[in-house]
């Protein structure tokens, strides 16, 4: 069932409209600088990512594994991660923990020199559901399987509630997260519904090293589950998927809310290098891309590499036109917020700069 579900997720994300109704990155506009006074060819995009030197402030976000289709995708993505010297996460490794014969669909990335490898487990599996919680040995297995530098713990409780086989218990997850964060460098990640200020503070107290906001506006897992339910003929789950299609905190707002003294990764709906520049201007240390890189990823390494090169070129153009000779300078770039994003609470101090 896990294998079928994962392949369903990939194909639905590739072929169906699963985007949020509104992309909030369009509600941020940079102030154009007609006299940049910098040399485009001297712009530097190298950054420090949680103590690791990488070529660009971009992450190939966690997407897949646990199915042979995912193995091909992870292999191709890892080639690109090596070429561009950027971090890469794998999809939920629950499949590998529960079925060891699927391990190579994740460990395939070890065939390439990925500069920062990020393992990935779901918060719901940290505590008892209908099945026992993952043990310390399970977590160690997943971490060592890809010789990881960091461990993502992803929070996907909306998806769990909408999907037919979802896990329903969240009690005790912070206590368990704190125990794990005492042994591993943990990145806490949402999967499309964003991080609130309260959640960011809870995660900081639990000892995570960074927060990946995974805000709304990009791929909606409620939408993916809607299509799965439609295929299965489940009107109840279709209804829930439709109801919660646009649930969540917009990615840009979530970056602001998550500024609690931890590094923040901006993800959720990033489409191009201009969106990435906006995330960095808001205070993110890097931006995560997923669905933008998924189309054709199982068949074409060249397509992935071309898409990343487009993203990075657009990032440098945005830097040039905002007088930003290095990534850190984007935090001083002038911009303003408008439209629906400007209506969100508690972002007044960042609405314009």
Protein backbone atom coordinates (compact mmCIF):
# COMPACT_ATOMS: atom_id res chain seq x y z
CA UNK A 1 0.00 0.00 0.00
CA UNK A 2 2.84 2.40 0.82
CA UNK A 3 4.41 1.83 -2.59
CA UNK A 4 1.13 2.45 -4.43
CA UNK A 5 0.39 5.56 -2.37
CA UNK A 6 3.78 7.09 -3.06
CA UNK A 7 3.52 6.51 -6.80
CA UNK A 8 0.02 7.98 -6.72
CA UNK A 9 1.37 11.09 -5.01
CA UNK A 10 4.07 11.55 -7.64
CA UNK A 11 1.77 11.08 -10.62
CA UNK A 12 -0.95 13.32 -9.20
CA UNK A 13 1.59 16.06 -8.41
CA UNK A 14 2.96 15.79 -11.96
CA UNK A 15 -0.32 15.60 -13.85
CA UNK A 16 -3.07 17.33 -11.87
CA UNK A 17 -3.72 20.86 -10.68
CA UNK A 18 -2.77 20.58 -7.02
CA UNK A 19 -1.66 24.16 -6.47
CA UNK A 20 -3.18 26.49 -3.94
CA UNK A 21 -5.75 28.92 -5.26
CA UNK A 22 -3.43 31.90 -4.65
CA UNK A 23 0.36 32.10 -4.74
CA UNK A 24 1.38 34.66 -2.13
CA UNK A 25 4.83 35.23 -3.58
CA UNK A 26 3.07 37.41 -6.16
CA UNK A 27 2.07 39.76 -3.31
CA UNK A 28 5.68 40.87 -2.79
CA UNK A 29 7.25 43.42 -5.13
CA UNK A 30 10.85 44.57 -5.09
CA UNK A 31 11.65 48.24 -5.64
CA UNK A 32 13.62 48.33 -8.88
CA UNK A 33 17.05 49.94 -8.65
CA UNK A 34 17.82 51.56 -12.01
CA UNK A 35 21.43 52.25 -11.03
CA UNK A 36 22.62 49.02 -9.39
CA UNK A 37 26.33 49.99 -9.29
CA UNK A 38 27.45 46.36 -9.15
CA UNK A 39 28.94 43.94 -11.68
CA UNK A 40 26.55 41.07 -12.49
CA UNK A 41 29.49 38.76 -13.13
CA UNK A 42 30.83 39.42 -9.63
CA UNK A 43 27.62 38.50 -7.79
CA UNK A 44 28.25 35.76 -5.24
CA UNK A 45 25.60 33.16 -4.42
CA UNK A 46 27.68 30.92 -2.15
CA UNK A 47 26.23 30.68 1.37
CA UNK A 48 26.64 28.88 4.65
CA UNK A 49 23.84 26.39 5.25
CA UNK A 50 23.76 25.36 8.91
CA UNK A 51 27.54 25.19 9.03
CA UNK A 52 27.93 23.67 5.55
CA UNK A 53 29.30 25.66 2.60
CA UNK A 54 27.06 25.35 -0.47
CA UNK A 55 27.04 26.91 -3.91
CA UNK A 56 23.63 28.57 -3.83
CA UNK A 57 20.86 29.35 -1.30
CA UNK A 58 18.65 26.62 -2.73
CA UNK A 59 17.57 23.18 -1.54
CA UNK A 60 16.11 20.30 -3.50
CA UNK A 61 13.26 19.67 -1.09
CA UNK A 62 12.16 16.26 0.14
CA UNK A 63 9.94 14.62 -2.46
CA UNK A 64 10.05 10.87 -2.83
CA UNK A 65 11.43 7.40 -2.25
CA UNK A 66 9.95 4.07 -1.29
CA UNK A 67 9.01 3.17 -4.87
CA UNK A 68 11.07 2.40 -7.97
CA UNK A 69 9.79 5.54 -9.68
CA UNK A 70 11.06 7.47 -6.68
CA UNK A 71 14.43 5.78 -6.97
CA UNK A 72 14.85 7.10 -10.51
CA UNK A 73 13.77 10.57 -9.42
CA UNK A 74 16.12 10.61 -6.43
CA UNK A 75 19.00 9.43 -8.61
CA UNK A 76 18.41 12.23 -11.11
CA UNK A 77 17.92 14.86 -8.43
CA UNK A 78 21.15 13.80 -6.72
CA UNK A 79 23.07 14.33 -9.96
CA UNK A 80 21.78 17.91 -10.02
CA UNK A 81 22.52 18.43 -6.31
CA UNK A 82 26.13 17.43 -6.95
CA UNK A 83 26.45 19.57 -10.06
CA UNK A 84 25.12 22.74 -8.43
CA UNK A 85 26.57 22.03 -4.97
CA UNK A 86 23.22 22.33 -3.18
CA UNK A 87 21.54 20.30 -0.39
CA UNK A 88 19.01 17.59 -1.11
CA UNK A 89 16.36 15.95 1.01
CA UNK A 90 14.69 12.62 0.34
CA UNK A 91 11.02 11.84 0.82
CA UNK A 92 9.53 10.24 3.90
CA UNK A 93 11.69 7.25 4.83
CA UNK A 94 8.87 5.46 6.60
CA UNK A 95 8.77 3.03 3.67
CA UNK A 96 12.42 2.06 4.15
CA UNK A 97 11.99 1.62 7.90
CA UNK A 98 8.99 -0.66 7.43
CA UNK A 99 10.23 -2.49 4.30
CA UNK A 100 14.00 -2.78 4.18
CA UNK A 101 13.90 -3.97 0.57
CA UNK A 102 12.98 -0.39 -0.40
CA UNK A 103 16.14 1.07 1.14
CA UNK A 104 17.91 1.62 -2.17
CA UNK A 105 15.16 3.97 -3.38
CA UNK A 106 16.64 6.42 -0.86
CA UNK A 107 20.29 5.33 -0.59
CA UNK A 108 20.68 5.73 -4.36
CA UNK A 109 21.71 9.32 -3.64
CA UNK A 110 24.96 7.97 -2.19
CA UNK A 111 26.04 7.24 -5.75
CA UNK A 112 26.62 10.98 -6.11
CA UNK A 113 28.51 13.64 -4.16
CA UNK A 114 25.50 15.45 -2.69
CA UNK A 115 27.06 18.13 -0.47
CA UNK A 116 24.34 18.04 2.20
CA UNK A 117 22.10 14.98 2.58
CA UNK A 118 18.87 15.31 4.55
CA UNK A 119 16.99 12.29 5.89
CA UNK A 120 13.25 12.55 6.49
CA UNK A 121 10.73 11.03 8.88
CA UNK A 122 7.17 12.03 9.70
CA UNK A 123 6.15 13.46 13.04
CA UNK A 124 3.10 11.15 13.21
CA UNK A 125 5.40 8.12 13.19
CA UNK A 126 7.25 9.36 16.27
CA UNK A 127 4.30 8.46 18.49
CA UNK A 128 1.96 5.48 18.77
CA UNK A 129 -0.81 5.32 16.20
CA UNK A 130 -2.51 2.11 15.12
CA UNK A 131 1.08 0.95 14.76
CA UNK A 132 3.85 1.33 17.35
CA UNK A 133 5.98 4.47 17.20
CA UNK A 134 9.34 4.39 15.48
CA UNK A 135 12.05 3.34 17.88
CA UNK A 136 15.46 4.90 18.40
CA UNK A 137 16.85 2.09 16.26
CA UNK A 138 14.44 2.95 13.43
CA UNK A 139 15.50 6.59 13.48
CA UNK A 140 19.18 5.66 13.51
CA UNK A 141 18.60 3.32 10.59
CA UNK A 142 16.99 6.06 8.48
CA UNK A 143 19.71 8.57 9.36
CA UNK A 144 22.57 6.23 8.53
CA UNK A 145 20.90 4.84 5.41
CA UNK A 146 21.83 7.95 3.42
CA UNK A 147 24.72 9.02 5.69
CA UNK A 148 22.67 12.10 6.48
CA UNK A 149 23.92 15.46 7.67
CA UNK A 150 20.49 16.48 8.99
CA UNK A 151 17.19 14.84 9.84
CA UNK A 152 13.93 16.41 8.73
CA UNK A 153 10.96 15.72 10.94
CA UNK A 154 8.00 16.68 8.80
CA UNK A 155 4.63 17.77 10.12
CA UNK A 156 1.84 16.71 7.77
CA UNK A 157 -1.13 16.38 10.05
CA UNK A 158 -3.60 17.92 7.59
CA UNK A 159 -2.62 15.33 4.99
CA UNK A 160 -2.97 12.58 7.59
CA UNK A 161 -6.47 13.77 8.45
CA UNK A 162 -7.61 13.88 4.82
CA UNK A 163 -6.14 10.64 3.52
CA UNK A 164 -8.07 7.42 4.16
CA UNK A 165 -5.20 5.65 5.94
CA UNK A 166 -3.99 8.70 7.87
CA UNK A 167 -2.63 8.81 11.41
CA UNK A 168 -4.81 10.74 13.84
CA UNK A 169 -2.80 11.10 17.03
CA UNK A 170 -0.56 14.10 17.73
CA UNK A 171 -0.39 13.92 21.53
CA UNK A 172 3.17 13.68 22.80
CA UNK A 173 4.88 14.60 19.52
CA UNK A 174 6.79 17.57 20.97
CA UNK A 175 8.14 15.52 23.85
CA UNK A 176 9.41 12.87 21.44
CA UNK A 177 10.78 15.52 19.08
CA UNK A 178 12.79 17.00 21.95
CA UNK A 179 14.31 13.59 22.69
CA UNK A 180 15.29 13.08 19.05
CA UNK A 181 16.66 16.62 18.70
CA UNK A 182 18.99 15.83 21.59
CA UNK A 183 20.67 13.17 19.45
CA UNK A 184 20.31 14.42 15.86
CA UNK A 185 20.53 17.78 14.06
CA UNK A 186 16.82 18.15 13.34
CA UNK A 187 15.11 20.40 10.80
CA UNK A 188 11.39 20.74 11.50
CA UNK A 189 9.37 21.00 8.28
CA UNK A 190 5.75 21.61 7.41
CA UNK A 191 4.48 20.08 4.18
CA UNK A 192 2.30 22.80 2.72
CA UNK A 193 0.39 24.45 5.54
CA UNK A 194 2.98 26.71 7.14
CA UNK A 195 4.39 27.42 10.59
CA UNK A 196 2.76 29.84 13.04
CA UNK A 197 4.65 31.90 15.61
CA UNK A 198 3.35 29.59 18.34
CA UNK A 199 4.51 26.49 16.48
CA UNK A 200 7.92 28.06 15.79
CA UNK A 201 8.41 28.75 19.49
CA UNK A 202 7.37 25.19 20.36
CA UNK A 203 9.86 23.83 17.84
CA UNK A 204 12.61 26.06 19.19
CA UNK A 205 11.90 24.83 22.71
CA UNK A 206 12.12 21.27 21.40
CA UNK A 207 15.70 21.93 20.26
CA UNK A 208 15.48 21.80 16.47
CA UNK A 209 18.33 23.36 14.49
CA UNK A 210 16.17 25.05 11.83
CA UNK A 211 12.60 25.47 10.60
CA UNK A 212 11.47 24.80 7.03
CA UNK A 213 8.16 26.65 6.81
CA UNK A 214 6.52 24.67 3.97
CA UNK A 215 3.77 27.26 3.68
CA UNK A 216 0.58 27.33 1.69
CA UNK A 217 0.34 28.60 -1.86
CA UNK A 218 2.22 25.81 -3.57
CA UNK A 219 1.37 22.12 -3.72
CA UNK A 220 -1.65 21.28 -1.59
CA UNK A 221 -1.54 17.78 -0.13
CA UNK A 222 -5.23 18.12 0.61
CA UNK A 223 -5.66 18.52 -3.15
CA UNK A 224 -3.51 15.44 -3.82
CA UNK A 225 -5.64 13.46 -1.38
CA UNK A 226 -8.77 14.82 -3.09
CA UNK A 227 -7.66 13.21 -6.35
CA UNK A 228 -6.77 9.96 -4.59
CA UNK A 229 -10.19 9.91 -2.96
CA UNK A 230 -11.84 10.65 -6.29
CA UNK A 231 -10.04 7.72 -7.88
CA UNK A 232 -11.13 5.47 -5.00
CA UNK A 233 -14.71 6.71 -5.13
CA UNK A 234 -14.65 8.07 -1.56
CA UNK A 235 -17.02 11.04 -1.50
CA UNK A 236 -16.27 11.71 2.18
CA UNK A 237 -12.53 12.11 1.61
CA UNK A 238 -13.13 14.08 -1.59
CA UNK A 239 -15.22 16.50 0.44
CA UNK A 240 -12.48 16.96 3.06
CA UNK A 241 -9.81 17.38 0.40
CA UNK A 242 -11.83 20.12 -1.27
CA UNK A 243 -12.68 21.82 2.04
CA UNK A 244 -9.05 22.08 3.14
CA UNK A 245 -7.47 22.61 -0.29
CA UNK A 246 -6.26 26.11 0.64
CA UNK A 247 -5.83 25.63 4.38
CA UNK A 248 -2.70 27.05 5.93
CA UNK A 249 -0.39 30.00 6.45
CA UNK A 250 1.11 31.60 3.32
CA UNK A 251 4.78 30.83 2.87
CA UNK A 252 5.98 34.48 3.06
CA UNK A 253 3.97 35.14 6.24
CA UNK A 254 5.27 31.91 7.72
CA UNK A 255 8.88 32.99 7.15
CA UNK A 256 8.14 36.11 9.18
CA UNK A 257 6.31 34.22 11.93
CA UNK A 258 9.17 31.72 12.22
CA UNK A 259 11.80 34.34 13.06
CA UNK A 260 12.31 33.13 16.63
CA UNK A 261 16.10 32.94 16.68
CA UNK A 262 16.52 29.88 14.45
CA UNK A 263 17.58 29.64 10.81
CA UNK A 264 14.52 29.56 8.56
CA UNK A 265 14.18 27.78 5.21
CA UNK A 266 11.58 29.28 2.88
CA UNK A 267 9.53 26.75 0.96
CA UNK A 268 6.03 26.34 -0.36
CA UNK A 269 5.10 27.56 -3.82
CA UNK A 270 8.54 28.75 -4.94
CA UNK A 271 8.50 28.73 -8.75
CA UNK A 272 11.58 30.64 -9.87
CA UNK A 273 14.61 32.61 -8.79
CA UNK A 274 12.58 35.76 -8.21
CA UNK A 275 10.43 33.94 -5.64
CA UNK A 276 13.65 32.63 -4.08
CA UNK A 277 15.02 36.18 -3.84
CA UNK A 278 11.82 37.26 -2.06
CA UNK A 279 12.17 34.44 0.47
CA UNK A 280 15.76 35.47 1.16
CA UNK A 281 14.77 39.13 1.49
CA UNK A 282 12.22 38.12 4.14
CA UNK A 283 14.95 36.47 6.17
CA UNK A 284 15.20 32.87 4.95
CA UNK A 285 18.69 31.36 4.70
CA UNK A 286 17.68 29.34 1.63
CA UNK A 287 14.65 28.26 -0.37
CA UNK A 288 13.29 24.80 -1.00
CA UNK A 289 12.01 23.68 -4.40
CA UNK A 290 9.95 20.56 -5.00
CA UNK A 291 7.14 20.43 -7.59
CA UNK A 292 9.00 22.91 -9.82
CA UNK A 293 11.67 20.23 -10.27
CA UNK A 294 9.38 17.20 -10.37
CA UNK A 295 8.02 17.39 -13.91
CA UNK A 296 9.96 14.88 -15.96
CA UNK A 297 12.41 14.19 -13.13
CA UNK A 298 12.05 10.43 -13.58
CA UNK A 299 13.18 10.58 -17.20
CA UNK A 300 15.42 13.60 -17.74
CA UNK A 301 18.42 14.74 -15.75
CA UNK A 302 18.90 17.48 -18.31
CA UNK A 303 15.44 18.89 -17.63
CA UNK A 304 16.14 19.14 -13.90
CA UNK A 305 19.50 20.79 -14.50
CA UNK A 306 18.01 23.25 -16.97
CA UNK A 307 15.27 24.21 -14.52
CA UNK A 308 17.78 24.79 -11.71
CA UNK A 309 19.98 26.88 -14.00
CA UNK A 310 16.93 29.03 -14.84
CA UNK A 311 16.16 29.46 -11.14
CA UNK A 312 19.70 30.50 -10.31
CA UNK A 313 19.94 32.90 -13.23
CA UNK A 314 16.70 34.59 -12.17
CA UNK A 315 18.02 34.81 -8.61
CA UNK A 316 21.15 36.62 -9.81
CA UNK A 317 19.11 38.98 -11.99
CA UNK A 318 16.93 39.83 -8.97
CA UNK A 319 20.08 40.41 -6.92
CA UNK A 320 21.53 42.65 -9.62
CA UNK A 321 18.37 44.78 -9.87
CA UNK A 322 18.19 45.23 -6.08
CA UNK A 323 21.88 46.20 -5.66
CA UNK A 324 22.68 42.90 -3.93
CA UNK A 325 26.19 41.73 -4.68
CA UNK A 326 25.90 38.80 -2.27
CA UNK A 327 22.98 36.86 -0.83
CA UNK A 328 23.18 38.60 2.54
CA UNK A 329 22.56 41.94 0.79
CA UNK A 330 19.05 40.81 -0.17
CA UNK A 331 18.05 41.31 3.46
CA UNK A 332 18.52 45.05 2.81
CA UNK A 333 16.68 45.11 -0.53
CA UNK A 334 13.63 47.36 -0.69
CA UNK A 335 10.24 45.73 -1.27
CA UNK A 336 6.61 46.08 -0.32
CA UNK A 337 3.76 43.67 0.37
CA UNK A 338 0.31 44.06 -1.08
CA UNK A 339 -2.81 42.09 -1.97
CA UNK A 340 -3.96 39.21 0.19
CA UNK A 341 -0.59 38.76 1.88
CA UNK A 342 -0.78 42.28 3.33
CA UNK A 343 -4.00 41.33 5.11
CA UNK A 344 -2.32 38.69 7.26
CA UNK A 345 -1.83 39.71 10.90
CA UNK A 346 1.41 40.61 12.65
CA UNK A 347 3.51 41.28 9.55
CA UNK A 348 3.17 45.07 9.69
CA UNK A 349 6.83 45.62 10.49
CA UNK A 350 7.82 43.87 7.25
CA UNK A 351 5.12 45.14 4.88
CA UNK A 352 7.40 47.66 3.30
CA UNK A 353 11.11 48.34 3.36
